[in-house]
C-alpha atoms as a PDB file:
ATOM      1  CA  UNK A   1       0.000   0.000   0.000  1.00  0.00           C
ATOM      2  CA  UNK A   2       2.764   2.482   0.915  1.00  0.00           C
ATOM      3  CA  UNK A   3       4.427   1.898  -2.457  1.00  0.00           C
ATOM      4  CA  UNK A   4       1.257   3.109  -4.228  1.00  0.00           C
ATOM      5  CA  UNK A   5       0.582   6.138  -1.989  1.00  0.00           C
ATOM      6  CA  UNK A   6       4.121   7.566  -2.073  1.00  0.00           C
ATOM      7  CA  UNK A   7       4.348   8.104  -5.858  1.00  0.00           C
ATOM      8  CA  UNK A   8       0.908   9.766  -5.883  1.00  0.00           C
ATOM      9  CA  UNK A   9       1.952  12.124  -3.055  1.00  0.00           C
ATOM     10  CA  UNK A  10       5.136  13.028  -4.934  1.00  0.00           C
ATOM     11  CA  UNK A  11       3.085  13.638  -8.083  1.00  0.00           C
ATOM     12  CA  UNK A  12       0.633  15.856  -6.179  1.00  0.00           C
ATOM     13  CA  UNK A  13       3.480  17.905  -4.697  1.00  0.00           C
ATOM     14  CA  UNK A  14       5.110  18.303  -8.100  1.00  0.00           C
ATOM     15  CA  UNK A  15       1.796  19.534  -9.541  1.00  0.00           C
ATOM     16  CA  UNK A  16       1.469  22.143  -6.788  1.00  0.00           C
ATOM     17  CA  UNK A  17       5.052  23.313  -7.226  1.00  0.00           C
ATOM     18  CA  UNK A  18       4.621  23.482 -10.987  1.00  0.00           C
ATOM     19  CA  UNK A  19       1.394  25.469 -10.632  1.00  0.00           C
ATOM     20  CA  UNK A  20       3.183  28.110  -8.581  1.00  0.00           C
ATOM     21  CA  UNK A  21       6.409  28.299 -10.541  1.00  0.00           C
ATOM     22  CA  UNK A  22       5.751  28.034 -14.268  1.00  0.00           C
ATOM     23  CA  UNK A  23       2.727  30.257 -14.796  1.00  0.00           C
ATOM     24  CA  UNK A  24       3.444  32.639 -17.674  1.00  0.00           C
ATOM     25  CA  UNK A  25       3.098  36.411 -17.363  1.00  0.00           C
ATOM     26  CA  UNK A  26       1.796  38.811 -20.050  1.00  0.00           C
ATOM     27  CA  UNK A  27       4.843  39.928 -22.083  1.00  0.00           C
ATOM     28  CA  UNK A  28       5.455  43.685 -21.830  1.00  0.00           C
ATOM     29  CA  UNK A  29       2.854  44.077 -19.069  1.00  0.00           C
ATOM     30  CA  UNK A  30       1.635  47.699 -18.743  1.00  0.00           C
ATOM     31  CA  UNK A  31       0.273  48.448 -15.258  1.00  0.00           C
ATOM     32  CA  UNK A  32      -1.198  51.804 -16.299  1.00  0.00           C
ATOM     33  CA  UNK A  33      -3.366  50.175 -18.987  1.00  0.00           C
ATOM     34  CA  UNK A  34      -4.336  47.346 -16.606  1.00  0.00           C
ATOM     35  CA  UNK A  35      -5.557  49.607 -13.786  1.00  0.00           C
ATOM     36  CA  UNK A  36      -9.267  50.300 -13.414  1.00  0.00           C
ATOM     37  CA  UNK A  37     -12.505  48.403 -12.906  1.00  0.00           C
ATOM     38  CA  UNK A  38     -12.934  44.756 -13.885  1.00  0.00           C
ATOM     39  CA  UNK A  39     -15.799  42.285 -13.488  1.00  0.00           C
ATOM     40  CA  UNK A  40     -14.990  38.743 -12.356  1.00  0.00           C
ATOM     41  CA  UNK A  41     -16.778  36.723 -15.059  1.00  0.00           C
ATOM     42  CA  UNK A  42     -15.424  33.240 -14.315  1.00  0.00           C
ATOM     43  CA  UNK A  43     -13.277  31.546 -11.684  1.00  0.00           C
ATOM     44  CA  UNK A  44     -11.603  28.168 -11.542  1.00  0.00           C
ATOM     45  CA  UNK A  45     -10.004  26.984  -8.311  1.00  0.00           C
ATOM     46  CA  UNK A  46      -9.093  23.851  -6.411  1.00  0.00           C
ATOM     47  CA  UNK A  47      -9.833  25.588  -3.082  1.00  0.00           C
ATOM     48  CA  UNK A  48     -12.363  23.509  -1.125  1.00  0.00           C
ATOM     49  CA  UNK A  49     -14.196  26.606   0.189  1.00  0.00           C
ATOM     50  CA  UNK A  50     -14.658  27.918  -3.363  1.00  0.00           C
ATOM     51  CA  UNK A  51     -15.799  24.514  -4.641  1.00  0.00           C
ATOM     52  CA  UNK A  52     -18.526  24.402  -1.973  1.00  0.00           C
ATOM     53  CA  UNK A  53     -19.746  27.954  -2.728  1.00  0.00           C
ATOM     54  CA  UNK A  54     -19.199  28.280  -6.490  1.00  0.00           C
ATOM     55  CA  UNK A  55     -22.737  27.437  -7.597  1.00  0.00           C
ATOM     56  CA  UNK A  56     -24.216  30.288  -5.555  1.00  0.00           C
ATOM     57  CA  UNK A  57     -21.697  32.981  -6.496  1.00  0.00           C
ATOM     58  CA  UNK A  58     -22.401  36.032  -8.663  1.00  0.00           C
ATOM     59  CA  UNK A  59     -20.127  38.261 -10.705  1.00  0.00           C
ATOM     60  CA  UNK A  60     -18.110  40.604  -8.515  1.00  0.00           C
ATOM     61  CA  UNK A  61     -16.316  43.863  -9.163  1.00  0.00           C
ATOM     62  CA  UNK A  62     -12.568  44.395  -8.755  1.00  0.00           C
ATOM     63  CA  UNK A  63     -10.917  47.799  -8.837  1.00  0.00           C
ATOM     64  CA  UNK A  64      -7.189  47.619  -9.490  1.00  0.00           C
ATOM     65  CA  UNK A  65      -4.768  50.445  -8.788  1.00  0.00           C
ATOM     66  CA  UNK A  66      -1.001  50.740  -8.536  1.00  0.00           C
ATOM     67  CA  UNK A  67       1.190  52.611  -6.057  1.00  0.00           C
ATOM     68  CA  UNK A  68       4.132  54.802  -7.087  1.00  0.00           C
ATOM     69  CA  UNK A  69       6.401  51.882  -6.108  1.00  0.00           C
ATOM     70  CA  UNK A  70       4.581  49.623  -8.579  1.00  0.00           C
ATOM     71  CA  UNK A  71       2.707  47.560  -5.974  1.00  0.00           C
ATOM     72  CA  UNK A  72      -0.890  46.571  -6.747  1.00  0.00           C
ATOM     73  CA  UNK A  73      -4.042  47.159  -4.701  1.00  0.00           C
ATOM     74  CA  UNK A  74      -7.157  45.128  -5.494  1.00  0.00           C
ATOM     75  CA  UNK A  75     -10.472  46.236  -4.006  1.00  0.00           C
ATOM     76  CA  UNK A  76     -13.131  43.565  -4.404  1.00  0.00           C
ATOM     77  CA  UNK A  77     -16.887  43.779  -3.951  1.00  0.00           C
ATOM     78  CA  UNK A  78     -18.561  40.350  -3.700  1.00  0.00           C
ATOM     79  CA  UNK A  79     -22.373  40.178  -3.789  1.00  0.00           C
ATOM     80  CA  UNK A  80     -23.627  38.165  -0.821  1.00  0.00           C
ATOM     81  CA  UNK A  81     -27.211  37.291   0.089  1.00  0.00           C
ATOM     82  CA  UNK A  82     -28.056  40.618   1.715  1.00  0.00           C
ATOM     83  CA  UNK A  83     -24.998  42.875   1.298  1.00  0.00           C
ATOM     84  CA  UNK A  84     -21.787  43.542  -0.598  1.00  0.00           C
ATOM     85  CA  UNK A  85     -18.731  42.063   1.084  1.00  0.00           C
ATOM     86  CA  UNK A  86     -15.646  44.264   0.652  1.00  0.00           C
ATOM     87  CA  UNK A  87     -12.095  42.920   0.533  1.00  0.00           C
ATOM     88  CA  UNK A  88      -8.790  44.612  -0.151  1.00  0.00           C
ATOM     89  CA  UNK A  89      -5.686  42.740  -1.222  1.00  0.00           C
ATOM     90  CA  UNK A  90      -2.234  44.264  -1.503  1.00  0.00           C
ATOM     91  CA  UNK A  91       0.568  42.705  -3.517  1.00  0.00           C
ATOM     92  CA  UNK A  92       4.170  43.839  -3.816  1.00  0.00           C
ATOM     93  CA  UNK A  93       5.835  44.070  -7.192  1.00  0.00           C
ATOM     94  CA  UNK A  94       8.228  41.214  -7.886  1.00  0.00           C
ATOM     95  CA  UNK A  95      11.167  41.459 -10.263  1.00  0.00           C
ATOM     96  CA  UNK A  96       8.899  40.901 -13.290  1.00  0.00           C
ATOM     97  CA  UNK A  97       6.158  43.234 -14.559  1.00  0.00           C
ATOM     98  CA  UNK A  98       2.760  41.538 -14.157  1.00  0.00           C
ATOM     99  CA  UNK A  99       3.973  39.310 -11.300  1.00  0.00           C
ATOM    100  CA  UNK A 100       3.141  40.282  -7.706  1.00  0.00           C
ATOM    101  CA  UNK A 101       3.538  38.688  -4.286  1.00  0.00           C
ATOM    102  CA  UNK A 102       1.968  39.050  -0.850  1.00  0.00           C
ATOM    103  CA  UNK A 103       4.660  37.542   1.335  1.00  0.00           C
ATOM    104  CA  UNK A 104       2.698  37.658   4.609  1.00  0.00           C
ATOM    105  CA  UNK A 105      -0.103  35.571   3.076  1.00  0.00           C
ATOM    106  CA  UNK A 106       2.220  33.564   0.814  1.00  0.00           C
ATOM    107  CA  UNK A 107       0.245  34.592  -2.294  1.00  0.00           C
ATOM    108  CA  UNK A 108       1.620  34.751  -5.813  1.00  0.00           C
ATOM    109  CA  UNK A 109      -0.393  36.749  -8.388  1.00  0.00           C
ATOM    110  CA  UNK A 110       0.336  36.766 -12.127  1.00  0.00           C
ATOM    111  CA  UNK A 111      -1.415  38.483 -15.003  1.00  0.00           C
ATOM    112  CA  UNK A 112      -1.241  35.620 -17.503  1.00  0.00           C
ATOM    113  CA  UNK A 113      -2.859  37.349 -20.452  1.00  0.00           C
ATOM    114  CA  UNK A 114      -4.698  40.605 -21.184  1.00  0.00           C
ATOM    115  CA  UNK A 115      -5.669  42.931 -24.004  1.00  0.00           C
ATOM    116  CA  UNK A 116      -6.240  45.667 -21.351  1.00  0.00           C
ATOM    117  CA  UNK A 117      -9.492  46.906 -22.953  1.00  0.00           C
ATOM    118  CA  UNK A 118     -11.806  43.894 -22.697  1.00  0.00           C
ATOM    119  CA  UNK A 119     -10.329  40.925 -20.771  1.00  0.00           C
ATOM    120  CA  UNK A 120      -7.591  39.656 -18.481  1.00  0.00           C
ATOM    121  CA  UNK A 121      -6.764  36.210 -17.142  1.00  0.00           C
ATOM    122  CA  UNK A 122      -5.036  36.240 -13.767  1.00  0.00           C
ATOM    123  CA  UNK A 123      -3.672  33.384 -11.683  1.00  0.00           C
ATOM    124  CA  UNK A 124      -3.203  33.270  -7.937  1.00  0.00           C
ATOM    125  CA  UNK A 125      -1.330  30.598  -6.026  1.00  0.00           C
ATOM    126  CA  UNK A 126      -1.591  30.576  -2.237  1.00  0.00           C
ATOM    127  CA  UNK A 127       0.840  28.456  -0.233  1.00  0.00           C
ATOM    128  CA  UNK A 128      -0.204  29.181   3.364  1.00  0.00           C
ATOM    129  CA  UNK A 129      -2.527  27.082   5.480  1.00  0.00           C
ATOM    130  CA  UNK A 130      -3.117  23.380   5.310  1.00  0.00           C
ATOM    131  CA  UNK A 131      -4.375  23.490   1.747  1.00  0.00           C
ATOM    132  CA  UNK A 132      -2.240  25.285  -0.870  1.00  0.00           C
ATOM    133  CA  UNK A 133      -4.489  26.269  -3.736  1.00  0.00           C
ATOM    134  CA  UNK A 134      -4.484  27.561  -7.267  1.00  0.00           C
ATOM    135  CA  UNK A 135      -7.101  29.913  -8.706  1.00  0.00           C
ATOM    136  CA  UNK A 136      -7.591  31.492 -12.097  1.00  0.00           C
ATOM    137  CA  UNK A 137      -9.971  34.367 -12.848  1.00  0.00           C
ATOM    138  CA  UNK A 138     -11.379  35.707 -16.086  1.00  0.00           C
ATOM    139  CA  UNK A 139     -11.767  39.461 -15.708  1.00  0.00           C
ATOM    140  CA  UNK A 140     -13.769  41.546 -18.165  1.00  0.00           C
ATOM    141  CA  UNK A 141     -14.264  45.313 -18.461  1.00  0.00           C
ATOM    142  CA  UNK A 142     -17.974  44.775 -19.183  1.00  0.00           C
ATOM    143  CA  UNK A 143     -20.149  42.159 -17.450  1.00  0.00           C
ATOM    144  CA  UNK A 144     -20.820  40.318 -20.697  1.00  0.00           C
ATOM    145  CA  UNK A 145     -18.363  37.562 -21.572  1.00  0.00           C
ATOM    146  CA  UNK A 146     -18.045  36.091 -25.039  1.00  0.00           C
ATOM    147  CA  UNK A 147     -17.993  32.341 -25.741  1.00  0.00           C
ATOM    148  CA  UNK A 148     -14.526  32.855 -27.300  1.00  0.00           C
ATOM    149  CA  UNK A 149     -13.132  34.316 -24.071  1.00  0.00           C
ATOM    150  CA  UNK A 150     -14.660  31.499 -22.020  1.00  0.00           C
ATOM    151  CA  UNK A 151     -13.074  28.994 -24.396  1.00  0.00           C
ATOM    152  CA  UNK A 152      -9.650  30.678 -24.048  1.00  0.00           C
ATOM    153  CA  UNK A 153     -10.061  30.571 -20.258  1.00  0.00           C
ATOM    154  CA  UNK A 154     -10.962  26.856 -20.338  1.00  0.00           C
ATOM    155  CA  UNK A 155      -7.957  26.100 -22.565  1.00  0.00           C
ATOM    156  CA  UNK A 156      -5.566  27.779 -20.086  1.00  0.00           C
ATOM    157  CA  UNK A 157      -6.972  26.023 -16.990  1.00  0.00           C
ATOM    158  CA  UNK A 158      -5.050  22.728 -17.418  1.00  0.00           C
ATOM    159  CA  UNK A 159      -1.765  24.673 -17.666  1.00  0.00           C
ATOM    160  CA  UNK A 160      -2.177  25.587 -13.976  1.00  0.00           C
ATOM    161  CA  UNK A 161      -3.576  22.213 -12.883  1.00  0.00           C
ATOM    162  CA  UNK A 162      -7.288  23.116 -12.923  1.00  0.00           C
ATOM    163  CA  UNK A 163     -10.188  21.257 -14.540  1.00  0.00           C
ATOM    164  CA  UNK A 164     -13.597  22.353 -15.844  1.00  0.00           C
ATOM    165  CA  UNK A 165     -15.405  20.815 -12.844  1.00  0.00           C
ATOM    166  CA  UNK A 166     -13.516  23.387 -10.703  1.00  0.00           C
ATOM    167  CA  UNK A 167     -14.883  26.289 -12.772  1.00  0.00           C
ATOM    168  CA  UNK A 168     -17.818  28.630 -12.260  1.00  0.00           C
ATOM    169  CA  UNK A 169     -19.113  31.109 -14.820  1.00  0.00           C
ATOM    170  CA  UNK A 170     -20.536  33.809 -12.592  1.00  0.00           C
ATOM    171  CA  UNK A 171     -23.960  35.224 -13.444  1.00  0.00           C
ATOM    172  CA  UNK A 172     -24.173  38.999 -13.887  1.00  0.00           C
ATOM    173  CA  UNK A 173     -25.050  41.075 -10.859  1.00  0.00           C
ATOM    174  CA  UNK A 174     -25.567  44.798 -10.369  1.00  0.00           C
ATOM    175  CA  UNK A 175     -25.948  44.330  -6.620  1.00  0.00           C
ATOM    176  CA  UNK A 176     -22.638  46.055  -5.759  1.00  0.00           C
ATOM    177  CA  UNK A 177     -22.295  48.606  -8.582  1.00  0.00           C
ATOM    178  CA  UNK A 178     -23.425  51.507  -6.370  1.00  0.00           C
ATOM    179  CA  UNK A 179     -20.634  50.668  -3.864  1.00  0.00           C
ATOM    180  CA  UNK A 180     -17.738  51.232  -6.303  1.00  0.00           C
ATOM    181  CA  UNK A 181     -15.406  53.926  -5.041  1.00  0.00           C
END
C-alpha cells in the first residue's frame, strides 16, 4: 500500500510546485493600462471553500490600482445574500512586470494574459494554510463575456492544474455597482 501512496503524493506535490512556478506572465505588461474596474466573469479553483460555494456565487467587481512603487491594490466587492462584502488585497511588485507577491499571506499573483481593454486572465497561487491552492480568474471590463473568451479561459486552466469541474461562470449582478469607489 505504501508503495502506491508515495508516488501519488510526490506527483501531487510536483503539480502544486509546478502550478506556482511556471505560470506565464503577459509579455510587456503595462500596469497603467491594466488599472481600473474589472468584473470577475469566471473563476476556476481547487480551493475547497470555493468549490462548496461556487454554484451560488455572482459576478463581482474588482478595482485595481497601482502605487508609485509599482505595488498593486485590489479592491473587491462580492455580492452576498443581503450585502456587498468588501475585501482589499495588496501585492508587492516582484522582479517581473505583471507578477506580484503578498509575502505575509504567501500569495503569488500573475497576469497571464490581457488585451487591457476587454479581458484579463489572472492566476493566484496561495501556499499558506493546510491546503495550498491555485485559482484562475477571467476578468472583463464589461459584465458580458463572449464564448470565445470562455473557451480561451478553459484552454488555459489545465496549464495551472485546474479542470472544468472546478470552474464557475458567474452570473451577472448589479448588486454592488453603487458601492464602487
